[in-house]
């Protein structure tokens, strides 16, 4: 099954999407600035793959997107 990258997964909306994808058995990953943060670790504990990425750093996002089938992009403004 193809993997989905969910941005904003450490927040409310993106987190809800990531958790639902996991619940449905989909492989999901989340770009995070700090994989050791409490919110990132909570995602990892649910089975979300953590990939280093920052929405303010285009090159990190290009790297984070490699090998994914789809993207859920969550924006706050």
N, C-alpha and C. Protein backbone atom coordinates (compact mmCIF):
# COMPACT_ATOMS: atom_id res chain seq x y z
N UNK A 1 0.85 -1.17 0.00
CA UNK A 1 0.00 0.00 0.00
C UNK A 1 0.89 1.24 0.00
N UNK A 2 0.54 2.25 -0.78
CA UNK A 2 1.38 3.43 -0.91
C UNK A 2 1.31 4.33 0.32
N UNK A 3 2.44 4.96 0.61
CA UNK A 3 2.56 5.79 1.80
C UNK A 3 2.03 7.20 1.56
N UNK A 4 1.50 7.79 2.63
CA UNK A 4 0.98 9.15 2.60
C UNK A 4 1.79 9.99 3.56
N UNK A 5 2.17 11.19 3.15
CA UNK A 5 2.86 12.13 4.01
C UNK A 5 1.83 13.15 4.50
N UNK A 6 1.72 13.31 5.80
CA UNK A 6 0.74 14.23 6.38
C UNK A 6 1.47 15.37 7.09
N UNK A 7 1.36 16.58 6.54
CA UNK A 7 1.97 17.72 7.20
C UNK A 7 1.07 18.17 8.35
N UNK A 8 1.65 18.87 9.30
CA UNK A 8 0.87 19.37 10.43
C UNK A 8 0.43 18.29 11.39
N UNK A 9 1.06 17.12 11.33
CA UNK A 9 0.60 15.98 12.12
C UNK A 9 0.81 16.15 13.63
N UNK A 10 1.67 17.07 14.03
CA UNK A 10 1.83 17.31 15.47
C UNK A 10 0.78 18.30 15.98
N UNK A 11 -0.05 18.81 15.09
CA UNK A 11 -1.13 19.72 15.47
C UNK A 11 -2.47 19.01 15.49
N UNK A 12 -3.52 19.79 15.59
CA UNK A 12 -4.87 19.21 15.73
C UNK A 12 -5.39 18.59 14.43
N UNK A 13 -5.48 19.38 13.37
CA UNK A 13 -6.08 18.88 12.13
C UNK A 13 -5.19 17.82 11.47
N UNK A 14 -3.92 18.14 11.27
CA UNK A 14 -3.01 17.17 10.67
C UNK A 14 -2.87 15.92 11.51
N UNK A 15 -2.89 16.09 12.84
CA UNK A 15 -2.81 14.94 13.74
C UNK A 15 -4.01 14.03 13.62
N UNK A 16 -5.19 14.64 13.48
CA UNK A 16 -6.41 13.84 13.32
C UNK A 16 -6.36 13.04 12.02
N UNK A 17 -5.86 13.67 10.96
CA UNK A 17 -5.73 12.96 9.67
C UNK A 17 -4.73 11.82 9.79
N UNK A 18 -3.58 12.09 10.40
CA UNK A 18 -2.56 11.04 10.55
C UNK A 18 -3.11 9.87 11.37
N UNK A 19 -3.78 10.16 12.47
CA UNK A 19 -4.34 9.08 13.31
C UNK A 19 -5.40 8.28 12.56
N UNK A 20 -6.22 8.95 11.76
CA UNK A 20 -7.26 8.23 11.00
C UNK A 20 -6.62 7.36 9.92
N UNK A 21 -5.60 7.86 9.26
CA UNK A 21 -4.92 7.04 8.26
C UNK A 21 -4.32 5.79 8.90
N UNK A 22 -3.69 5.96 10.06
CA UNK A 22 -3.14 4.81 10.79
C UNK A 22 -4.26 3.84 11.17
N UNK A 23 -5.37 4.38 11.67
CA UNK A 23 -6.50 3.54 12.07
C UNK A 23 -7.01 2.71 10.90
N UNK A 24 -6.95 3.28 9.70
CA UNK A 24 -7.41 2.58 8.50
C UNK A 24 -6.35 1.66 7.91
N UNK A 25 -5.21 1.58 8.58
CA UNK A 25 -4.16 0.68 8.13
C UNK A 25 -3.26 1.23 7.04
N UNK A 26 -3.33 2.53 6.79
CA UNK A 26 -2.50 3.15 5.75
C UNK A 26 -1.13 3.49 6.31
N UNK A 27 -0.07 3.27 5.56
CA UNK A 27 1.24 3.72 5.99
C UNK A 27 1.30 5.25 5.89
N UNK A 28 1.60 5.90 6.98
CA UNK A 28 1.61 7.36 7.02
C UNK A 28 2.90 7.84 7.67
N UNK A 29 3.38 8.95 7.18
CA UNK A 29 4.57 9.58 7.73
C UNK A 29 4.27 11.05 7.97
N UNK A 30 5.05 11.64 8.85
CA UNK A 30 4.88 13.05 9.17
C UNK A 30 6.22 13.75 9.17
N UNK A 31 6.31 14.87 8.46
CA UNK A 31 7.54 15.65 8.56
C UNK A 31 7.54 16.40 9.89
N UNK A 32 8.62 16.30 10.62
CA UNK A 32 8.74 16.99 11.91
C UNK A 32 10.10 17.67 11.98
N UNK A 33 10.12 18.83 12.65
CA UNK A 33 11.39 19.53 12.85
C UNK A 33 12.24 18.83 13.89
N UNK A 34 11.57 18.32 14.96
CA UNK A 34 12.29 17.71 16.07
C UNK A 34 11.69 16.34 16.38
N UNK A 35 12.28 15.26 15.86
CA UNK A 35 11.74 13.92 16.10
C UNK A 35 11.73 13.51 17.57
N UNK A 36 12.47 14.20 18.41
CA UNK A 36 12.51 13.87 19.84
C UNK A 36 11.45 14.61 20.65
N UNK A 37 10.69 15.51 20.01
CA UNK A 37 9.67 16.26 20.75
C UNK A 37 8.56 15.32 21.24
N UNK A 38 7.87 15.74 22.27
CA UNK A 38 6.81 14.93 22.86
C UNK A 38 5.71 14.60 21.83
N UNK A 39 5.31 15.60 21.07
CA UNK A 39 4.25 15.36 20.06
C UNK A 39 4.71 14.42 18.96
N UNK A 40 5.95 14.57 18.53
CA UNK A 40 6.48 13.68 17.49
C UNK A 40 6.58 12.25 18.03
N UNK A 41 7.04 12.08 19.24
CA UNK A 41 7.16 10.74 19.84
C UNK A 41 5.78 10.10 19.98
N UNK A 42 4.77 10.89 20.32
CA UNK A 42 3.41 10.36 20.43
C UNK A 42 2.93 9.82 19.08
N UNK A 43 3.26 10.52 18.00
CA UNK A 43 2.91 10.03 16.66
C UNK A 43 3.63 8.73 16.35
N UNK A 44 4.92 8.70 16.65
CA UNK A 44 5.71 7.50 16.40
C UNK A 44 5.15 6.31 17.17
N UNK A 45 4.70 6.55 18.40
CA UNK A 45 4.11 5.48 19.21
C UNK A 45 2.85 4.91 18.57
N UNK A 46 2.17 5.71 17.76
CA UNK A 46 0.97 5.24 17.06
C UNK A 46 1.29 4.50 15.76
N UNK A 47 2.55 4.56 15.35
CA UNK A 47 2.95 3.90 14.11
C UNK A 47 3.22 4.85 12.96
N UNK A 48 3.21 6.14 13.23
CA UNK A 48 3.51 7.12 12.19
C UNK A 48 5.03 7.19 12.02
N UNK A 49 5.48 7.10 10.78
CA UNK A 49 6.90 7.24 10.49
C UNK A 49 7.27 8.72 10.56
N UNK A 50 8.32 9.05 11.27
CA UNK A 50 8.77 10.43 11.37
C UNK A 50 9.87 10.67 10.35
N UNK A 51 9.71 11.74 9.57
CA UNK A 51 10.75 12.15 8.64
C UNK A 51 11.11 13.59 8.96
N UNK A 52 12.40 13.89 8.91
CA UNK A 52 12.83 15.25 9.23
C UNK A 52 12.39 16.18 8.11
N UNK A 53 11.70 17.25 8.47
CA UNK A 53 11.23 18.22 7.49
C UNK A 53 10.70 19.45 8.18
N UNK A 54 10.78 20.57 7.50
CA UNK A 54 10.34 21.85 8.03
C UNK A 54 9.62 22.60 6.90
N UNK A 55 8.41 23.04 7.14
CA UNK A 55 7.64 23.72 6.10
C UNK A 55 8.29 25.02 5.65
N UNK A 56 9.20 25.55 6.43
CA UNK A 56 9.91 26.77 6.05
C UNK A 56 11.21 26.48 5.30
N UNK A 57 11.49 25.21 5.04
CA UNK A 57 12.74 24.81 4.38
C UNK A 57 12.39 23.92 3.18
N UNK A 58 12.36 24.53 2.00
CA UNK A 58 11.94 23.81 0.79
C UNK A 58 12.77 22.56 0.53
N UNK A 59 14.07 22.63 0.72
CA UNK A 59 14.90 21.46 0.43
C UNK A 59 14.59 20.30 1.37
N UNK A 60 14.26 20.60 2.63
CA UNK A 60 13.91 19.50 3.55
C UNK A 60 12.58 18.87 3.14
N UNK A 61 11.67 19.66 2.61
CA UNK A 61 10.39 19.11 2.16
C UNK A 61 10.56 18.25 0.91
N UNK A 62 11.41 18.69 0.01
CA UNK A 62 11.67 17.88 -1.19
C UNK A 62 12.22 16.51 -0.79
N UNK A 63 13.13 16.51 0.16
CA UNK A 63 13.69 15.24 0.64
C UNK A 63 12.62 14.41 1.34
N UNK A 64 11.80 15.05 2.16
CA UNK A 64 10.76 14.34 2.92
C UNK A 64 9.74 13.70 1.99
N UNK A 65 9.47 14.30 0.84
CA UNK A 65 8.44 13.80 -0.08
C UNK A 65 8.89 12.62 -0.94
N UNK A 66 10.17 12.35 -0.99
CA UNK A 66 10.66 11.26 -1.84
C UNK A 66 10.06 9.92 -1.43
N UNK A 67 9.50 9.22 -2.41
CA UNK A 67 8.98 7.88 -2.18
C UNK A 67 7.54 7.83 -1.68
N UNK A 68 6.83 8.96 -1.66
CA UNK A 68 5.44 8.96 -1.19
C UNK A 68 4.47 9.03 -2.34
N UNK A 69 3.31 8.41 -2.15
CA UNK A 69 2.26 8.39 -3.15
C UNK A 69 1.39 9.63 -3.06
N UNK A 70 1.12 10.09 -1.84
CA UNK A 70 0.21 11.21 -1.65
C UNK A 70 0.66 12.12 -0.53
N UNK A 71 0.03 13.28 -0.49
CA UNK A 71 0.35 14.29 0.50
C UNK A 71 -0.92 14.89 1.04
N UNK A 72 -1.05 14.94 2.37
CA UNK A 72 -2.09 15.73 3.00
C UNK A 72 -1.39 16.97 3.52
N UNK A 73 -1.74 18.13 2.99
CA UNK A 73 -1.08 19.38 3.37
C UNK A 73 -2.02 20.20 4.24
N UNK A 74 -1.61 20.43 5.47
CA UNK A 74 -2.40 21.21 6.42
C UNK A 74 -1.76 22.57 6.58
N UNK A 75 -2.54 23.63 6.39
CA UNK A 75 -2.06 25.00 6.55
C UNK A 75 -2.84 25.66 7.67
N UNK A 76 -2.20 26.57 8.36
CA UNK A 76 -2.90 27.28 9.42
C UNK A 76 -3.30 28.69 9.01
N UNK A 77 -2.72 29.22 7.96
CA UNK A 77 -3.12 30.57 7.52
C UNK A 77 -3.01 30.72 6.04
